[in-house]
Amino acid sequence: MNCPNCNGRAIGRVGNEQFYCWTCFKEFSMTNGKMEIFDIAEDGSLVSFNQEDVDATLL
């Protein structure tokens, strides 16, 4: 599996269908066929990282 943001391979699983990229420090998930990418805020909350042309086929 590669990161949909940076195409890195250093991916960890953080939950059910939730993953973390150690290369670009983004969390991502696949929900209902839609890829969602998140930044992690200082308080640990997830903030949507809108990137319109993310290709979900990279998974």
PDB file of N, CA and C in Angstrom:
ATOM      1  N   MET A   1       0.847  -1.177   0.000  1.00  0.00           N
ATOM      2  CA  MET A   1       0.000   0.000   0.000  1.00  0.00           C
ATOM      3  C   MET A   1       0.889   1.237   0.000  1.00  0.00           C
ATOM      4  N   ASN A   2       0.502   2.213  -0.796  1.00  0.00           N
ATOM      5  CA  ASN A   2       1.216   3.480  -0.867  1.00  0.00           C
ATOM      6  C   ASN A   2       0.313   4.610  -0.383  1.00  0.00           C
ATOM      7  N   CYS A   3       0.941   5.660   0.112  1.00  0.00           N
ATOM      8  CA  CYS A   3       0.202   6.841   0.560  1.00  0.00           C
ATOM      9  C   CYS A   3      -0.408   7.551  -0.651  1.00  0.00           C
ATOM     10  N   PRO A   4      -1.689   7.928  -0.580  1.00  0.00           N
ATOM     11  CA  PRO A   4      -2.316   8.642  -1.696  1.00  0.00           C
ATOM     12  C   PRO A   4      -1.836  10.085  -1.831  1.00  0.00           C
ATOM     13  N   ASN A   5      -1.158  10.612  -0.807  1.00  0.00           N
ATOM     14  CA  ASN A   5      -0.676  11.984  -0.844  1.00  0.00           C
ATOM     15  C   ASN A   5       0.736  12.077  -1.421  1.00  0.00           C
ATOM     16  N   CYS A   6       1.657  11.260  -0.908  1.00  0.00           N
ATOM     17  CA  CYS A   6       3.062  11.363  -1.316  1.00  0.00           C
ATOM     18  C   CYS A   6       3.589  10.110  -2.013  1.00  0.00           C
ATOM     19  N   ASN A   7       2.767   9.081  -2.083  1.00  0.00           N
ATOM     20  CA  ASN A   7       3.124   7.796  -2.683  1.00  0.00           C
ATOM     21  C   ASN A   7       4.180   7.041  -1.869  1.00  0.00           C
ATOM     22  N   GLY A   8       4.390   7.449  -0.611  1.00  0.00           N
ATOM     23  CA  GLY A   8       5.337   6.761   0.267  1.00  0.00           C
ATOM     24  C   GLY A   8       4.833   5.392   0.688  1.00  0.00           C
ATOM     25  N   ARG A   9       5.770   4.540   1.121  1.00  0.00           N
ATOM     26  CA  ARG A   9       5.400   3.175   1.512  1.00  0.00           C
ATOM     27  C   ARG A   9       5.466   2.954   3.022  1.00  0.00           C
ATOM     28  N   ALA A  10       5.866   3.956   3.795  1.00  0.00           N
ATOM     29  CA  ALA A  10       5.960   3.816   5.253  1.00  0.00           C
ATOM     30  C   ALA A  10       4.585   4.089   5.862  1.00  0.00           C
ATOM     31  N   ILE A  11       3.705   3.093   5.775  1.00  0.00           N
ATOM     32  CA  ILE A  11       2.307   3.238   6.181  1.00  0.00           C
ATOM     33  C   ILE A  11       2.041   2.389   7.415  1.00  0.00           C
ATOM     34  N   GLY A  12       1.349   2.967   8.381  1.00  0.00           N
ATOM     35  CA  GLY A  12       0.923   2.227   9.561  1.00  0.00           C
ATOM     36  C   GLY A  12      -0.590   2.264   9.679  1.00  0.00           C
ATOM     37  N   ARG A  13      -1.134   1.240  10.294  1.00  0.00           N
ATOM     38  CA  ARG A  13      -2.587   1.182  10.495  1.00  0.00           C
ATOM     39  C   ARG A  13      -2.907   1.757  11.870  1.00  0.00           C
ATOM     40  N   VAL A  14      -3.860   2.688  11.933  1.00  0.00           N
ATOM     41  CA  VAL A  14      -4.238   3.302  13.204  1.00  0.00           C
ATOM     42  C   VAL A  14      -5.657   2.944  13.622  1.00  0.00           C
ATOM     43  N   GLY A  15      -6.407   2.330  12.743  1.00  0.00           N
ATOM     44  CA  GLY A  15      -7.778   1.944  13.061  1.00  0.00           C
ATOM     45  C   GLY A  15      -8.366   1.169  11.908  1.00  0.00           C
ATOM     46  N   ASN A  16      -9.649   0.886  12.017  1.00  0.00           N
ATOM     47  CA  ASN A  16     -10.345   0.166  10.962  1.00  0.00           C
ATOM     48  C   ASN A  16     -10.423   1.049   9.718  1.00  0.00           C
ATOM     49  N   GLU A  17      -9.721   0.657   8.662  1.00  0.00           N
ATOM     50  CA  GLU A  17      -9.659   1.419   7.411  1.00  0.00           C
ATOM     51  C   GLU A  17      -9.049   2.810   7.596  1.00  0.00           C
ATOM     52  N   GLN A  18      -8.220   3.013   8.626  1.00  0.00           N
ATOM     53  CA  GLN A  18      -7.518   4.275   8.834  1.00  0.00           C
ATOM     54  C   GLN A  18      -6.028   3.992   8.873  1.00  0.00           C
ATOM     55  N   PHE A  19      -5.262   4.843   8.163  1.00  0.00           N
ATOM     56  CA  PHE A  19      -3.836   4.627   8.016  1.00  0.00           C
ATOM     57  C   PHE A  19      -3.074   5.925   8.246  1.00  0.00           C
ATOM     58  N   TYR A  20      -1.774   5.797   8.565  1.00  0.00           N
ATOM     59  CA  TYR A  20      -0.909   6.946   8.824  1.00  0.00           C
ATOM     60  C   TYR A  20       0.344   6.815   7.974  1.00  0.00           C
ATOM     61  N   CYS A  21       0.747   7.892   7.329  1.00  0.00           N
ATOM     62  CA  CYS A  21       1.962   7.901   6.520  1.00  0.00           C
ATOM     63  C   CYS A  21       3.085   8.558   7.310  1.00  0.00           C
ATOM     64  N   TRP A  22       4.163   7.813   7.523  1.00  0.00           N
ATOM     65  CA  TRP A  22       5.321   8.324   8.256  1.00  0.00           C
ATOM     66  C   TRP A  22       6.205   9.209   7.382  1.00  0.00           C
ATOM     67  N   THR A  23       5.931   9.269   6.090  1.00  0.00           N
ATOM     68  CA  THR A  23       6.720  10.105   5.186  1.00  0.00           C
ATOM     69  C   THR A  23       6.189  11.536   5.150  1.00  0.00           C
ATOM     70  N   CYS A  24       4.876  11.696   4.957  1.00  0.00           N
ATOM     71  CA  CYS A  24       4.292  13.044   4.866  1.00  0.00           C
ATOM     72  C   CYS A  24       3.466  13.414   6.099  1.00  0.00           C
ATOM     73  N   PHE A  25       3.371  12.482   7.064  1.00  0.00           N
ATOM     74  CA  PHE A  25       2.679  12.731   8.339  1.00  0.00           C
ATOM     75  C   PHE A  25       1.199  13.063   8.171  1.00  0.00           C
ATOM     76  N   LYS A  26       0.551  12.385   7.243  1.00  0.00           N
ATOM     77  CA  LYS A  26      -0.887  12.537   7.028  1.00  0.00           C
ATOM     78  C   LYS A  26      -1.588  11.244   7.418  1.00  0.00           C
ATOM     79  N   GLU A  27      -2.829  11.374   7.852  1.00  0.00           N
ATOM     80  CA  GLU A  27      -3.666  10.211   8.118  1.00  0.00           C
ATOM     81  C   GLU A  27      -4.687  10.140   6.987  1.00  0.00           C
ATOM     82  N   PHE A  28      -5.024   8.932   6.572  1.00  0.00           N
ATOM     83  CA  PHE A  28      -5.997   8.796   5.498  1.00  0.00           C
ATOM     84  C   PHE A  28      -6.886   7.594   5.734  1.00  0.00           C
ATOM     85  N   SER A  29      -8.069   7.666   5.128  1.00  0.00           N
ATOM     86  CA  SER A  29      -9.032   6.574   5.256  1.00  0.00           C
ATOM     87  C   SER A  29      -9.828   6.458   3.964  1.00  0.00           C
ATOM     88  N   MET A  30     -10.394   5.282   3.766  1.00  0.00           N
ATOM     89  CA  MET A  30     -11.250   5.027   2.612  1.00  0.00           C
ATOM     90  C   MET A  30     -12.648   4.793   3.158  1.00  0.00           C
ATOM     91  N   THR A  31     -13.590   5.687   2.839  1.00  0.00           N
ATOM     92  CA  THR A  31     -14.956   5.593   3.329  1.00  0.00           C
ATOM     93  C   THR A  31     -15.921   5.640   2.152  1.00  0.00           C
ATOM     94  N   ASN A  32     -16.718   4.600   2.015  1.00  0.00           N
ATOM     95  CA  ASN A  32     -17.711   4.522   0.934  1.00  0.00           C
ATOM     96  C   ASN A  32     -17.087   4.780  -0.438  1.00  0.00           C
ATOM     97  N   GLY A  33     -15.894   4.246  -0.665  1.00  0.00           N
ATOM     98  CA  GLY A  33     -15.220   4.407  -1.943  1.00  0.00           C
ATOM     99  C   GLY A  33     -14.567   5.752  -2.150  1.00  0.00           C
ATOM    100  N   LYS A  34     -14.572   6.604  -1.121  1.00  0.00           N
ATOM    101  CA  LYS A  34     -13.982   7.935  -1.225  1.00  0.00           C
ATOM    102  C   LYS A  34     -12.764   8.038  -0.310  1.00  0.00           C
ATOM    103  N   MET A  35     -11.661   8.498  -0.860  1.00  0.00           N
ATOM    104  CA  MET A  35     -10.435   8.667  -0.086  1.00  0.00           C
ATOM    105  C   MET A  35     -10.485  10.006   0.646  1.00  0.00           C
ATOM    106  N   GLU A  36     -10.208   9.977   1.943  1.00  0.00           N
ATOM    107  CA  GLU A  36     -10.141  11.200   2.737  1.00  0.00           C
ATOM    108  C   GLU A  36      -8.758  11.281   3.360  1.00  0.00           C
ATOM    109  N   ILE A  37      -8.128  12.457   3.266  1.00  0.00           N
ATOM    110  CA  ILE A  37      -6.799  12.683   3.824  1.00  0.00           C
ATOM    111  C   ILE A  37      -6.927  13.760   4.890  1.00  0.00           C
ATOM    112  N   PHE A  38      -6.201  13.567   5.994  1.00  0.00           N
ATOM    113  CA  PHE A  38      -6.288  14.486   7.123  1.00  0.00           C
ATOM    114  C   PHE A  38      -4.905  14.921   7.587  1.00  0.00           C
ATOM    115  N   ASP A  39      -4.796  16.190   7.987  1.00  0.00           N
ATOM    116  CA  ASP A  39      -3.653  16.678   8.753  1.00  0.00           C
ATOM    117  C   ASP A  39      -3.962  16.397  10.211  1.00  0.00           C
ATOM    118  N   ILE A  40      -2.941  16.274  11.022  1.00  0.00           N
ATOM    119  CA  ILE A  40      -3.137  16.067  12.452  1.00  0.00           C
ATOM    120  C   ILE A  40      -2.778  17.365  13.163  1.00  0.00           C
ATOM    121  N   ALA A  41      -3.753  17.946  13.864  1.00  0.00           N
ATOM    122  CA  ALA A  41      -3.566  19.214  14.570  1.00  0.00           C
ATOM    123  C   ALA A  41      -2.725  19.005  15.827  1.00  0.00           C
ATOM    124  N   GLU A  42      -2.269  20.100  16.409  1.00  0.00           N
ATOM    125  CA  GLU A  42      -1.446  20.042  17.621  1.00  0.00           C
ATOM    126  C   GLU A  42      -2.132  19.312  18.762  1.00  0.00           C
ATOM    127  N   ASP A  43      -3.461  19.423  18.839  1.00  0.00           N
ATOM    128  CA  ASP A  43      -4.194  18.764  19.923  1.00  0.00           C
ATOM    129  C   ASP A  43      -4.539  17.308  19.595  1.00  0.00           C
ATOM    130  N   GLY A  44      -4.099  16.820  18.425  1.00  0.00           N
ATOM    131  CA  GLY A  44      -4.335  15.434  18.045  1.00  0.00           C
ATOM    132  C   GLY A  44      -5.586  15.217  17.220  1.00  0.00           C
ATOM    133  N   SER A  45      -6.362  16.266  17.010  1.00  0.00           N
ATOM    134  CA  SER A  45      -7.577  16.114  16.210  1.00  0.00           C
ATOM    135  C   SER A  45      -7.221  16.074  14.720  1.00  0.00           C
ATOM    136  N   LEU A  46      -8.134  15.531  13.935  1.00  0.00           N
ATOM    137  CA  LEU A  46      -7.921  15.422  12.497  1.00  0.00           C
ATOM    138  C   LEU A  46      -8.562  16.602  11.786  1.00  0.00           C
ATOM    139  N   VAL A  47      -7.813  17.196  10.855  1.00  0.00           N
ATOM    140  CA  VAL A  47      -8.285  18.331  10.075  1.00  0.00           C
ATOM    141  C   VAL A  47      -8.251  17.918   8.610  1.00  0.00           C
ATOM    142  N   SER A  48      -9.360  18.080   7.926  1.00  0.00           N
ATOM    143  CA  SER A  48      -9.448  17.659   6.529  1.00  0.00           C
ATOM    144  C   SER A  48      -8.379  18.341   5.686  1.00  0.00           C
ATOM    145  N   PHE A  49      -7.704  17.552   4.873  1.00  0.00           N
ATOM    146  CA  PHE A  49      -6.680  18.035   3.947  1.00  0.00           C
ATOM    147  C   PHE A  49      -7.266  17.882   2.556  1.00  0.00           C
ATOM    148  N   ASN A  50      -7.873  18.949   2.031  1.00  0.00           N
ATOM    149  CA  ASN A  50      -8.562  18.878   0.740  1.00  0.00           C
ATOM    150  C   ASN A  50      -7.557  18.929  -0.393  1.00  0.00           C
ATOM    151  N   GLN A  51      -7.539  17.857  -1.150  1.00  0.00           N
ATOM    152  CA  GLN A  51      -6.695  17.784  -2.340  1.00  0.00           C
ATOM    153  C   GLN A  51      -7.566  17.145  -3.410  1.00  0.00           C
ATOM    154  N   GLU A  52      -7.966  17.922  -4.378  1.00  0.00           N
ATOM    155  CA  GLU A  52      -9.001  17.508  -5.319  1.00  0.00           C
ATOM    156  C   GLU A  52      -8.605  16.330  -6.209  1.00  0.00           C
ATOM    157  N   ASP A  53      -7.337  16.225  -6.574  1.00  0.00           N
ATOM    158  CA  ASP A  53      -6.973  15.199  -7.543  1.00  0.00           C
ATOM    159  C   ASP A  53      -6.222  14.029  -6.918  1.00  0.00           C
ATOM    160  N   VAL A  54      -6.650  13.587  -5.749  1.00  0.00           N
ATOM    161  CA  VAL A  54      -6.070  12.390  -5.151  1.00  0.00           C
ATOM    162  C   VAL A  54      -6.631  11.179  -5.878  1.00  0.00           C
ATOM    163  N   ASP A  55      -5.755  10.295  -6.296  1.00  0.00           N
ATOM    164  CA  ASP A  55      -6.164   9.109  -7.045  1.00  0.00           C
ATOM    165  C   ASP A  55      -6.290   7.931  -6.094  1.00  0.00           C
ATOM    166  N   ALA A  56      -7.508   7.492  -5.808  1.00  0.00           N
ATOM    167  CA  ALA A  56      -7.744   6.391  -4.874  1.00  0.00           C
ATOM    168  C   ALA A  56      -7.218   5.071  -5.405  1.00  0.00           C
ATOM    169  N   THR A  57      -6.859   4.997  -6.674  1.00  0.00           N
ATOM    170  CA  THR A  57      -6.340   3.750  -7.223  1.00  0.00           C
ATOM    171  C   THR A  57      -4.905   3.491  -6.787  1.00  0.00           C
ATOM    172  N   LEU A  58      -4.257   4.447  -6.128  1.00  0.00           N
ATOM    173  CA  LEU A  58      -2.892   4.235  -5.642  1.00  0.00           C
ATOM    174  C   LEU A  58      -2.846   3.188  -4.551  1.00  0.00           C
ATOM    175  N   LEU A  59      -3.980   2.919  -3.910  1.00  0.00           N
ATOM    176  CA  LEU A  59      -4.029   1.888  -2.888  1.00  0.00           C
ATOM    177  C   LEU A  59      -3.954   0.571  -3.574  1.00  0.00           C
TER     178      LEU A  59
END
